[in-house]
Amino acid sequence: MEPSLANIAAGTHVQFERVGYFYSDPLDSKAGNLVFNRVVTLRDNWSTQATAAPEVSAASKGGKGQGQQQQTDGAPTSGGGGGEIENIRRLDIRVGKILSAEQHPDAESLYVEQIDVGDKEGPRTIVSGLAKYIPLAQLQGRMCTVLCNLKPAKMRGVVSGGMVLCGANEATNTVQLLEPPPGAKVGERITVEGFGAPDPDPELKSKTQQKVWPSVAPDLKADAKGEARYQGKLLKTSAGPLKCESLTDCLIG
């Protein structure tokens, strides 16, 4: 690795040659212990966008940058102009309630939580890296915000079905839950003012779909009041905006 990566800012995207594209983890990456998360493999096969149903045009097999078609991965497109839905609307972000939380049996830094996000099948098992930041007793029964349509991932042997969103201040090593206001309903989807109703992909599982969250994350922040915003627009529930308890002007992830 280049020595300059030792001083890279959290959330910065880089390419590792012959491996893929990564971003520096805003929570776990520390001086002397860098953590990079891969978001795109080096070879990325773009699927094609339907130009007229039921026909689908084939992507060109030309050289790099040639003949690439706009991809949809089966995701719906916006109705009026026929363009792609904004990535923030493709995320399934919901109000959740932590029913229980326990220490991961094989990882000191991880918790395993059972979270109600309104699924008919019952609560989801979600693994989160909060053990260094929030005591277990403070999670029991708490309301939270969950990104629900990431591809399930096995974390030290436990399959996680989502991600608990938190505000993080790297300078003070502080992490807080992104909390819905009193009156918010478990399972309701979060909206972003000015972006219309959410229209999430069922699951962000293909290589191109897995780019959706990394493209949104850098613009997801808590403002001076601690309220969550995307590109300056409030994230809201039916009862009002989402908020960190005391963190302000920080990243959310």
Protein backbone atom coordinates (compact mmCIF):
# COMPACT_ATOMS: atom_id res chain seq x y z
CA MET A 1 0.00 0.00 0.00
CA GLU A 2 1.03 3.58 -0.60
CA PRO A 3 2.37 5.28 2.58
CA SER A 4 -0.05 8.18 1.94
CA LEU A 5 -2.96 5.90 2.90
CA ALA A 6 -1.87 6.21 6.54
CA ASN A 7 -3.35 9.72 6.56
CA ILE A 8 -6.40 9.11 4.38
CA ALA A 9 -9.69 10.68 5.49
CA ALA A 10 -12.50 8.42 6.67
CA GLY A 11 -14.88 7.40 3.88
CA THR A 12 -12.42 8.18 1.06
CA HIS A 13 -12.75 5.88 -1.97
CA VAL A 14 -9.59 4.36 -3.46
CA GLN A 15 -8.64 1.63 -5.92
CA PHE A 16 -6.28 -1.18 -4.96
CA GLU A 17 -4.72 -2.43 -8.16
CA ARG A 18 -5.80 -5.89 -9.28
CA VAL A 19 -8.20 -6.13 -6.34
CA GLY A 20 -11.01 -3.57 -6.56
CA TYR A 21 -12.40 -0.36 -5.11
CA PHE A 22 -12.46 0.29 -1.36
CA TYR A 23 -13.32 3.02 1.13
CA SER A 24 -11.69 3.65 4.50
CA ASP A 25 -13.97 2.58 7.33
CA PRO A 26 -15.18 5.66 9.28
CA LEU A 27 -15.60 3.71 12.54
CA ASP A 28 -12.99 0.97 12.77
CA SER A 29 -10.06 2.45 10.83
CA LYS A 30 -7.46 3.89 13.20
CA ALA A 31 -3.85 5.04 12.94
CA GLY A 32 -1.72 1.89 12.82
CA ASN A 33 -4.76 -0.30 12.17
CA LEU A 34 -6.30 0.68 8.84
CA VAL A 35 -9.57 -0.92 7.78
CA PHE A 36 -10.77 -0.72 4.16
CA ASN A 37 -14.11 -2.08 2.94
CA ARG A 38 -14.38 -3.36 -0.63
CA VAL A 39 -17.38 -1.95 -2.48
CA VAL A 40 -16.63 -3.01 -6.06
CA THR A 41 -14.48 -5.81 -7.42
CA LEU A 42 -11.98 -4.93 -10.13
CA ARG A 43 -14.01 -6.60 -12.86
CA ASP A 44 -17.58 -5.31 -12.83
CA ASN A 45 -20.05 -6.62 -15.38
CA TRP A 46 -22.68 -3.97 -15.97
CA SER A 47 -26.11 -5.27 -16.80
CA THR A 48 -28.24 -3.46 -19.33
CA GLN A 49 -31.22 -1.22 -19.14
CA ALA A 50 -34.35 -2.15 -21.04
CA THR A 51 -34.94 0.36 -23.82
CA ALA A 52 -38.30 -1.09 -24.90
CA ALA A 53 -40.07 -3.97 -23.18
CA PRO A 54 -39.68 -6.86 -23.61
CA GLU A 55 -36.43 -6.40 -25.56
CA VAL A 56 -33.19 -5.73 -23.69
CA SER A 57 -30.17 -4.35 -25.51
CA ALA A 58 -26.89 -6.19 -25.06
CA ALA A 59 -23.90 -4.38 -23.55
CA SER A 60 -20.96 -3.87 -25.85
CA LYS A 61 -17.93 -6.07 -25.34
CA GLY A 62 -15.61 -3.25 -26.35
CA GLY A 63 -12.68 -1.88 -24.40
CA LYS A 64 -12.78 -0.02 -21.09
CA GLY A 65 -15.26 2.81 -21.14
CA GLN A 66 -16.74 1.79 -24.50
CA GLY A 67 -20.33 0.83 -25.15
CA GLN A 68 -21.43 0.66 -21.51
CA GLN A 69 -25.21 0.66 -21.05
CA GLN A 70 -27.01 2.24 -18.11
CA GLN A 71 -27.82 -0.53 -15.64
CA THR A 72 -30.88 -1.12 -13.50
CA ASP A 73 -30.35 -4.61 -12.02
CA GLY A 74 -34.09 -5.08 -12.15
CA ALA A 75 -34.70 -1.96 -10.05
CA PRO A 76 -37.71 0.12 -11.05
CA THR A 77 -37.18 3.44 -12.74
CA SER A 78 -38.90 6.73 -12.02
CA GLY A 79 -42.21 7.06 -13.80
CA GLY A 80 -42.27 10.45 -15.49
CA GLY A 81 -38.93 10.90 -17.23
CA GLY A 82 -37.83 7.27 -17.48
CA GLY A 83 -34.58 7.96 -15.60
CA GLU A 84 -33.16 5.90 -12.76
CA ILE A 85 -34.50 6.24 -9.24
CA GLU A 86 -32.16 8.23 -6.97
CA ASN A 87 -29.94 5.92 -4.95
CA ILE A 88 -31.22 7.24 -1.61
CA ARG A 89 -34.73 6.06 -2.57
CA ARG A 90 -33.39 2.59 -3.39
CA LEU A 91 -32.41 2.08 0.26
CA ASP A 92 -34.88 0.37 2.58
CA ILE A 93 -34.31 2.36 5.78
CA ARG A 94 -36.82 1.64 8.55
CA VAL A 95 -37.64 2.41 12.15
CA GLY A 96 -36.61 -0.52 14.34
CA LYS A 97 -36.80 -1.59 17.96
CA ILE A 98 -34.04 -3.60 19.62
CA LEU A 99 -35.78 -6.48 21.40
CA SER A 100 -32.57 -8.03 22.72
CA ALA A 101 -28.81 -7.67 22.37
CA GLU A 102 -25.95 -9.89 23.43
CA GLN A 103 -22.21 -10.18 22.98
CA HIS A 104 -21.13 -12.02 19.83
CA PRO A 105 -19.73 -15.38 21.00
CA ASP A 106 -16.63 -15.09 18.80
CA ALA A 107 -15.92 -11.35 18.54
CA GLU A 108 -15.34 -8.89 21.38
CA SER A 109 -16.18 -5.87 19.19
CA LEU A 110 -19.54 -7.19 17.94
CA TYR A 111 -23.06 -7.43 19.31
CA VAL A 112 -25.81 -9.73 18.03
CA GLU A 113 -29.21 -8.04 18.19
CA GLN A 114 -32.77 -9.13 17.58
CA ILE A 115 -34.50 -6.12 16.01
CA ASP A 116 -38.14 -5.68 15.06
CA VAL A 117 -38.29 -3.81 11.73
CA GLY A 118 -41.88 -4.73 10.91
CA ASP A 119 -41.21 -7.97 9.02
CA LYS A 120 -44.06 -10.49 9.05
CA GLU A 121 -41.50 -13.20 9.71
CA GLY A 122 -40.56 -11.59 13.02
CA PRO A 123 -37.43 -9.82 14.27
CA ARG A 124 -34.18 -9.83 12.32
CA THR A 125 -30.79 -10.94 13.55
CA ILE A 126 -28.38 -8.06 13.03
CA VAL A 127 -24.70 -7.96 13.92
CA SER A 128 -23.22 -4.56 14.70
CA GLY A 129 -19.80 -3.28 15.77
CA LEU A 130 -21.09 -1.33 18.77
CA ALA A 131 -19.46 -3.24 21.61
CA LYS A 132 -16.65 -0.70 21.98
CA TYR A 133 -19.03 2.25 22.09
CA ILE A 134 -22.41 1.43 23.68
CA PRO A 135 -22.96 -0.79 26.75
CA LEU A 136 -25.32 -3.71 26.22
CA ALA A 137 -27.70 -2.49 28.88
CA GLN A 138 -28.23 0.74 26.93
CA LEU A 139 -29.42 -1.13 23.82
CA GLN A 140 -32.20 -3.20 25.34
CA GLY A 141 -35.57 -1.92 24.17
CA ARG A 142 -34.11 1.07 22.30
CA MET A 143 -35.61 2.47 19.13
CA CYS A 144 -33.17 2.64 16.24
CA THR A 145 -32.81 3.09 12.50
CA VAL A 146 -31.98 0.07 10.31
CA LEU A 147 -30.82 -0.28 6.71
CA CYS A 148 -32.77 -3.40 5.76
CA ASN A 149 -31.98 -4.31 2.15
CA LEU A 150 -28.25 -4.87 2.21
CA LYS A 151 -27.16 -8.32 1.10
CA PRO A 152 -27.06 -10.55 4.22
CA ALA A 153 -23.50 -11.00 5.42
CA LYS A 154 -21.93 -13.58 7.71
CA MET A 155 -19.97 -11.89 10.49
CA ARG A 156 -17.84 -14.30 12.50
CA GLY A 157 -20.29 -17.11 11.85
CA VAL A 158 -23.52 -15.15 12.43
CA VAL A 159 -25.56 -13.98 9.44
CA SER A 160 -26.54 -10.32 9.75
CA GLY A 161 -29.72 -9.16 8.01
CA GLY A 162 -29.16 -5.42 8.07
CA MET A 163 -27.18 -2.53 9.53
CA VAL A 164 -27.97 -0.32 12.51
CA LEU A 165 -27.32 3.30 11.50
CA CYS A 166 -25.34 5.47 13.91
CA GLY A 167 -23.65 8.82 14.10
CA ALA A 168 -19.90 8.66 14.62
CA ASN A 169 -17.36 11.25 15.75
CA GLU A 170 -13.92 9.86 14.97
CA ALA A 171 -12.09 12.60 16.90
CA THR A 172 -13.80 11.71 20.19
CA ASN A 173 -14.27 7.99 19.38
CA THR A 174 -17.99 8.39 20.07
CA VAL A 175 -20.80 6.45 18.39
CA GLN A 176 -24.52 6.98 19.02
CA LEU A 177 -27.64 5.37 17.61
CA LEU A 178 -29.57 7.31 15.00
CA GLU A 179 -32.91 7.42 16.80
CA PRO A 180 -36.45 8.06 15.58
CA PRO A 181 -38.58 10.53 17.56
CA PRO A 182 -41.27 9.45 20.04
CA GLY A 183 -44.35 8.33 18.16
CA ALA A 184 -42.49 6.84 15.19
CA LYS A 185 -43.91 3.44 14.23
CA VAL A 186 -41.78 0.31 14.15
CA GLY A 187 -41.32 -0.83 10.54
CA GLU A 188 -42.15 2.47 8.86
CA ARG A 189 -39.83 3.55 6.06
CA ILE A 190 -37.71 6.65 6.38
CA THR A 191 -38.26 9.37 3.79
CA VAL A 192 -35.96 12.16 2.64
CA GLU A 193 -37.60 15.51 2.09
CA GLY A 194 -37.64 16.51 -1.56
CA PHE A 195 -36.90 13.00 -2.86
CA GLY A 196 -40.36 11.47 -2.96
CA ALA A 197 -41.49 8.15 -1.52
CA PRO A 198 -38.89 5.40 -1.06
CA ASP A 199 -38.84 2.74 -3.79
CA PRO A 200 -36.23 0.30 -2.47
CA ASP A 201 -34.69 -2.66 -4.22
CA PRO A 202 -35.77 -5.91 -2.50
CA GLU A 203 -32.10 -6.67 -1.85
CA LEU A 204 -28.88 -4.95 -2.91
CA LYS A 205 -27.10 -8.14 -3.89
CA SER A 206 -25.55 -7.76 -7.36
CA LYS A 207 -22.20 -6.09 -7.87
CA THR A 208 -23.77 -2.94 -9.24
CA GLN A 209 -26.53 -2.86 -6.61
CA GLN A 210 -23.87 -3.05 -3.93
CA LYS A 211 -22.63 0.36 -5.09
CA VAL A 212 -25.86 2.04 -3.97
CA TRP A 213 -25.08 2.29 -0.24
CA PRO A 214 -21.43 3.45 -0.69
CA SER A 215 -22.65 6.14 -3.09
CA VAL A 216 -25.13 7.46 -0.51
CA ALA A 217 -23.06 7.11 2.69
CA PRO A 218 -20.65 10.07 2.16
CA ASP A 219 -23.61 12.49 1.95
CA LEU A 220 -25.41 11.11 5.00
CA LYS A 221 -24.60 13.32 7.99
CA ALA A 222 -25.92 14.74 11.24
CA ASP A 223 -26.24 18.52 11.20
CA ALA A 224 -25.59 21.10 13.94
CA LYS A 225 -28.77 19.93 15.72
CA GLY A 226 -27.83 16.26 15.41
CA GLU A 227 -30.60 15.69 12.86
CA ALA A 228 -29.90 13.30 10.00
CA ARG A 229 -29.65 14.78 6.53
CA TYR A 230 -28.86 13.50 3.05
CA GLN A 231 -27.36 16.16 0.78
CA GLY A 232 -28.76 18.71 3.22
CA LYS A 233 -32.30 17.25 3.19
CA LEU A 234 -33.88 15.91 6.39
CA LEU A 235 -34.46 12.19 6.96
CA LYS A 236 -37.92 11.91 8.47
CA THR A 237 -40.44 9.56 10.02
CA SER A 238 -44.17 10.20 10.36
CA ALA A 239 -43.39 11.69 13.78
CA GLY A 240 -40.50 13.91 12.72
CA PRO A 241 -36.77 13.79 11.92
CA LEU A 242 -34.20 11.23 12.99
CA LYS A 243 -31.58 12.42 15.45
CA CYS A 244 -28.46 11.42 17.37
CA GLU A 245 -28.69 11.94 21.14
CA SER A 246 -25.90 14.51 21.41
CA LEU A 247 -23.55 14.10 18.42
CA THR A 248 -23.61 16.90 15.87
CA ASP A 249 -21.83 17.63 12.59
CA CYS A 250 -20.76 14.03 12.09
CA LEU A 251 -21.01 11.19 9.60
CA ILE A 252 -23.82 8.65 9.75
CA GLY A 253 -23.16 5.05 8.80
